[in-house]
């Protein structure tokens, strides 16, 4: 099973259209995050790439555990299960500004698409070491798609 190509303009536009269908009061079909928290949660993936100073990189045993126990689940095309475990950086428990988080996510998606697949091929991940273009694509697409489905968009 292959996932849609996050580096393709039309794929990003479809995702962005789904994001714009969200509203601050939209209720999730599962889980406990509200819409603004979910958007902030999705933004962490892109913060790792574009704003790495916001999060400490995994080191030592933690990096090995992530690389050997978590990586396959995150970068494969296999969909996430509902209520899957969430890493500490991704747990958003405070209130967030919906419009700001929505705008940030759309901006990050466009940035990924403009940079393109070649930019990401072999690029070092914050948590998993070097990833292929396919792995970056799967990680970027699968995560945001999972949470947009969570909110019925």
C-alpha atoms as a PDB file:
ATOM      1  CA  UNK A   1       0.000   0.000   0.000  1.00  0.00           C
ATOM      2  CA  UNK A   2       1.455   3.348  -0.917  1.00  0.00           C
ATOM      3  CA  UNK A   3       0.308   6.651   0.495  1.00  0.00           C
ATOM      4  CA  UNK A   4      -0.442   9.824  -1.480  1.00  0.00           C
ATOM      5  CA  UNK A   5       2.670  11.840  -2.329  1.00  0.00           C
ATOM      6  CA  UNK A   6       3.049  14.756   0.109  1.00  0.00           C
ATOM      7  CA  UNK A   7       5.515  16.318  -2.324  1.00  0.00           C
ATOM      8  CA  UNK A   8       2.783  16.659  -4.964  1.00  0.00           C
ATOM      9  CA  UNK A   9       1.027  20.043  -5.084  1.00  0.00           C
ATOM     10  CA  UNK A  10      -2.465  18.563  -5.618  1.00  0.00           C
ATOM     11  CA  UNK A  11      -2.082  16.230  -2.619  1.00  0.00           C
ATOM     12  CA  UNK A  12      -1.049  19.116  -0.361  1.00  0.00           C
ATOM     13  CA  UNK A  13      -3.940  21.227  -1.635  1.00  0.00           C
ATOM     14  CA  UNK A  14      -6.413  18.456  -0.763  1.00  0.00           C
ATOM     15  CA  UNK A  15      -4.967  18.150   2.729  1.00  0.00           C
ATOM     16  CA  UNK A  16      -5.103  21.926   3.187  1.00  0.00           C
ATOM     17  CA  UNK A  17      -8.746  21.969   2.065  1.00  0.00           C
ATOM     18  CA  UNK A  18      -9.487  19.356   4.728  1.00  0.00           C
ATOM     19  CA  UNK A  19      -7.657  21.450   7.337  1.00  0.00           C
ATOM     20  CA  UNK A  20      -9.729  24.517   6.438  1.00  0.00           C
ATOM     21  CA  UNK A  21     -12.913  22.492   7.038  1.00  0.00           C
ATOM     22  CA  UNK A  22     -11.977  22.204  10.710  1.00  0.00           C
ATOM     23  CA  UNK A  23     -13.477  24.579  13.232  1.00  0.00           C
ATOM     24  CA  UNK A  24     -12.415  25.274  16.823  1.00  0.00           C
ATOM     25  CA  UNK A  25     -15.525  23.555  18.177  1.00  0.00           C
ATOM     26  CA  UNK A  26     -15.287  20.425  15.986  1.00  0.00           C
ATOM     27  CA  UNK A  27     -15.402  17.319  18.198  1.00  0.00           C
ATOM     28  CA  UNK A  28     -13.107  14.337  17.665  1.00  0.00           C
ATOM     29  CA  UNK A  29     -14.488  10.913  16.767  1.00  0.00           C
ATOM     30  CA  UNK A  30     -11.953   9.424  19.202  1.00  0.00           C
ATOM     31  CA  UNK A  31      -9.323  10.721  21.616  1.00  0.00           C
ATOM     32  CA  UNK A  32      -9.272  13.666  23.985  1.00  0.00           C
ATOM     33  CA  UNK A  33      -7.591  16.526  22.096  1.00  0.00           C
ATOM     34  CA  UNK A  34      -9.715  19.402  20.895  1.00  0.00           C
ATOM     35  CA  UNK A  35      -9.157  20.767  17.372  1.00  0.00           C
ATOM     36  CA  UNK A  36      -6.557  23.421  18.268  1.00  0.00           C
ATOM     37  CA  UNK A  37      -4.541  20.907  20.307  1.00  0.00           C
ATOM     38  CA  UNK A  38      -4.681  18.419  17.431  1.00  0.00           C
ATOM     39  CA  UNK A  39      -3.325  21.025  15.018  1.00  0.00           C
ATOM     40  CA  UNK A  40      -0.530  21.909  17.457  1.00  0.00           C
ATOM     41  CA  UNK A  41       0.167  18.178  17.870  1.00  0.00           C
ATOM     42  CA  UNK A  42       0.486  17.775  14.083  1.00  0.00           C
ATOM     43  CA  UNK A  43       2.784  20.794  13.929  1.00  0.00           C
ATOM     44  CA  UNK A  44       5.351  19.090  16.168  1.00  0.00           C
ATOM     45  CA  UNK A  45       6.392  16.803  13.291  1.00  0.00           C
ATOM     46  CA  UNK A  46       7.242  19.874  11.207  1.00  0.00           C
ATOM     47  CA  UNK A  47       8.824  21.721  14.143  1.00  0.00           C
ATOM     48  CA  UNK A  48      11.290  18.831  14.382  1.00  0.00           C
ATOM     49  CA  UNK A  49      12.329  19.591  10.791  1.00  0.00           C
ATOM     50  CA  UNK A  50      11.989  23.373  10.515  1.00  0.00           C
ATOM     51  CA  UNK A  51      12.259  24.592  14.128  1.00  0.00           C
ATOM     52  CA  UNK A  52      14.503  21.963  15.756  1.00  0.00           C
ATOM     53  CA  UNK A  53      15.544  24.313  18.549  1.00  0.00           C
ATOM     54  CA  UNK A  54      12.054  23.877  20.062  1.00  0.00           C
ATOM     55  CA  UNK A  55      12.672  20.215  20.922  1.00  0.00           C
ATOM     56  CA  UNK A  56      15.650  18.333  22.305  1.00  0.00           C
ATOM     57  CA  UNK A  57      16.824  15.664  19.856  1.00  0.00           C
ATOM     58  CA  UNK A  58      16.680  12.074  20.991  1.00  0.00           C
ATOM     59  CA  UNK A  59      20.035  10.781  22.200  1.00  0.00           C
ATOM     60  CA  UNK A  60      21.520   7.606  23.573  1.00  0.00           C
ATOM     61  CA  UNK A  61      19.159   4.847  24.643  1.00  0.00           C
ATOM     62  CA  UNK A  62      16.081   6.920  23.785  1.00  0.00           C
ATOM     63  CA  UNK A  63      17.259   7.402  20.185  1.00  0.00           C
ATOM     64  CA  UNK A  64      17.994   3.680  19.855  1.00  0.00           C
ATOM     65  CA  UNK A  65      14.555   2.800  21.213  1.00  0.00           C
ATOM     66  CA  UNK A  66      12.887   5.227  18.834  1.00  0.00           C
ATOM     67  CA  UNK A  67      14.902   3.972  15.883  1.00  0.00           C
ATOM     68  CA  UNK A  68      14.342   0.277  16.547  1.00  0.00           C
ATOM     69  CA  UNK A  69      10.913   0.164  18.223  1.00  0.00           C
ATOM     70  CA  UNK A  70       8.957   3.188  16.975  1.00  0.00           C
ATOM     71  CA  UNK A  71      10.387   4.076  13.572  1.00  0.00           C
ATOM     72  CA  UNK A  72       8.704   1.286  11.597  1.00  0.00           C
ATOM     73  CA  UNK A  73       5.275   2.228  12.935  1.00  0.00           C
ATOM     74  CA  UNK A  74       5.819   5.914  12.120  1.00  0.00           C
ATOM     75  CA  UNK A  75       7.383   5.671   8.640  1.00  0.00           C
ATOM     76  CA  UNK A  76       5.492   2.700   7.209  1.00  0.00           C
ATOM     77  CA  UNK A  77       2.355   3.047   5.111  1.00  0.00           C
ATOM     78  CA  UNK A  78       0.349   1.086   7.697  1.00  0.00           C
ATOM     79  CA  UNK A  79      -2.303   3.369   9.262  1.00  0.00           C
ATOM     80  CA  UNK A  80      -2.109   4.307  12.922  1.00  0.00           C
ATOM     81  CA  UNK A  81      -4.562   2.698  15.310  1.00  0.00           C
ATOM     82  CA  UNK A  82      -6.936   4.968  17.189  1.00  0.00           C
ATOM     83  CA  UNK A  83      -5.585   6.118  20.548  1.00  0.00           C
ATOM     84  CA  UNK A  84      -2.018   5.009  19.755  1.00  0.00           C
ATOM     85  CA  UNK A  85       0.660   6.000  22.285  1.00  0.00           C
ATOM     86  CA  UNK A  86       1.921   9.567  21.949  1.00  0.00           C
ATOM     87  CA  UNK A  87       5.502  10.730  22.470  1.00  0.00           C
ATOM     88  CA  UNK A  88       6.118  13.365  25.158  1.00  0.00           C
ATOM     89  CA  UNK A  89       6.803  16.213  22.698  1.00  0.00           C
ATOM     90  CA  UNK A  90       3.512  15.469  20.959  1.00  0.00           C
ATOM     91  CA  UNK A  91       1.326  15.610  24.081  1.00  0.00           C
ATOM     92  CA  UNK A  92      -0.469  18.938  23.893  1.00  0.00           C
ATOM     93  CA  UNK A  93      -2.336  19.626  27.117  1.00  0.00           C
ATOM     94  CA  UNK A  94      -2.583  23.417  27.105  1.00  0.00           C
ATOM     95  CA  UNK A  95      -4.971  25.605  25.170  1.00  0.00           C
ATOM     96  CA  UNK A  96      -3.772  26.647  21.735  1.00  0.00           C
ATOM     97  CA  UNK A  97      -4.869  29.321  19.282  1.00  0.00           C
ATOM     98  CA  UNK A  98      -6.843  27.472  16.602  1.00  0.00           C
ATOM     99  CA  UNK A  99      -6.235  29.935  13.749  1.00  0.00           C
ATOM    100  CA  UNK A 100      -2.514  30.185  14.493  1.00  0.00           C
ATOM    101  CA  UNK A 101      -2.038  26.417  14.624  1.00  0.00           C
ATOM    102  CA  UNK A 102      -4.152  25.926  11.501  1.00  0.00           C
ATOM    103  CA  UNK A 103      -2.112  28.515   9.598  1.00  0.00           C
ATOM    104  CA  UNK A 104       1.175  27.021  10.795  1.00  0.00           C
ATOM    105  CA  UNK A 105       0.213  23.521   9.660  1.00  0.00           C
ATOM    106  CA  UNK A 106      -0.830  24.718   6.211  1.00  0.00           C
ATOM    107  CA  UNK A 107       2.412  26.683   5.918  1.00  0.00           C
ATOM    108  CA  UNK A 108       4.516  23.690   6.950  1.00  0.00           C
ATOM    109  CA  UNK A 109       2.763  21.458   4.401  1.00  0.00           C
ATOM    110  CA  UNK A 110       3.404  23.955   1.621  1.00  0.00           C
ATOM    111  CA  UNK A 111       7.045  24.265   2.686  1.00  0.00           C
ATOM    112  CA  UNK A 112       7.520  20.482   2.510  1.00  0.00           C
ATOM    113  CA  UNK A 113       5.930  20.373  -0.937  1.00  0.00           C
ATOM    114  CA  UNK A 114       8.007  23.280  -2.287  1.00  0.00           C
ATOM    115  CA  UNK A 115      11.271  21.841  -0.939  1.00  0.00           C
ATOM    116  CA  UNK A 116      10.371  18.586  -2.652  1.00  0.00           C
ATOM    117  CA  UNK A 117      11.290  14.942  -2.384  1.00  0.00           C
ATOM    118  CA  UNK A 118      14.969  15.433  -3.265  1.00  0.00           C
ATOM    119  CA  UNK A 119      15.446  17.765  -0.302  1.00  0.00           C
ATOM    120  CA  UNK A 120      14.279  15.047   2.094  1.00  0.00           C
ATOM    121  CA  UNK A 121      15.947  11.992   0.534  1.00  0.00           C
ATOM    122  CA  UNK A 122      18.502  10.781   3.090  1.00  0.00           C
ATOM    123  CA  UNK A 123      17.801  13.735   5.402  1.00  0.00           C
ATOM    124  CA  UNK A 124      18.420  13.096   9.082  1.00  0.00           C
ATOM    125  CA  UNK A 125      15.262  12.801  11.166  1.00  0.00           C
ATOM    126  CA  UNK A 126      15.054  14.320  14.644  1.00  0.00           C
ATOM    127  CA  UNK A 127      14.264  10.878  16.075  1.00  0.00           C
ATOM    128  CA  UNK A 128      14.927   8.116  13.550  1.00  0.00           C
ATOM    129  CA  UNK A 129      18.209   8.787  11.752  1.00  0.00           C
ATOM    130  CA  UNK A 130      18.363   9.175   7.985  1.00  0.00           C
ATOM    131  CA  UNK A 131      15.085   8.544   6.174  1.00  0.00           C
ATOM    132  CA  UNK A 132      14.285   7.843   2.551  1.00  0.00           C
ATOM    133  CA  UNK A 133      11.904  10.048   0.608  1.00  0.00           C
ATOM    134  CA  UNK A 134       9.233   7.366   0.979  1.00  0.00           C
ATOM    135  CA  UNK A 135       9.687   7.266   4.748  1.00  0.00           C
ATOM    136  CA  UNK A 136       9.453  11.069   5.009  1.00  0.00           C
ATOM    137  CA  UNK A 137       6.356  11.006   2.815  1.00  0.00           C
ATOM    138  CA  UNK A 138       4.700   8.322   4.896  1.00  0.00           C
ATOM    139  CA  UNK A 139       5.485  10.072   8.161  1.00  0.00           C
ATOM    140  CA  UNK A 140       4.247  13.465   6.958  1.00  0.00           C
ATOM    141  CA  UNK A 141       1.132  12.260   5.152  1.00  0.00           C
ATOM    142  CA  UNK A 142      -0.003   9.477   7.483  1.00  0.00           C
ATOM    143  CA  UNK A 143       0.133  11.558  10.653  1.00  0.00           C
ATOM    144  CA  UNK A 144      -1.874  14.529   9.408  1.00  0.00           C
ATOM    145  CA  UNK A 145      -4.352  12.262   7.577  1.00  0.00           C
ATOM    146  CA  UNK A 146      -4.879  10.210  10.750  1.00  0.00           C
ATOM    147  CA  UNK A 147      -5.779  13.309  12.758  1.00  0.00           C
ATOM    148  CA  UNK A 148      -7.961  14.852  10.083  1.00  0.00           C
ATOM    149  CA  UNK A 149      -9.904  11.570  10.045  1.00  0.00           C
ATOM    150  CA  UNK A 150     -10.064  11.804  13.838  1.00  0.00           C
ATOM    151  CA  UNK A 151     -12.012  15.040  13.340  1.00  0.00           C
ATOM    152  CA  UNK A 152     -14.127  13.760  10.460  1.00  0.00           C
ATOM    153  CA  UNK A 153     -12.534  15.824   7.691  1.00  0.00           C
END
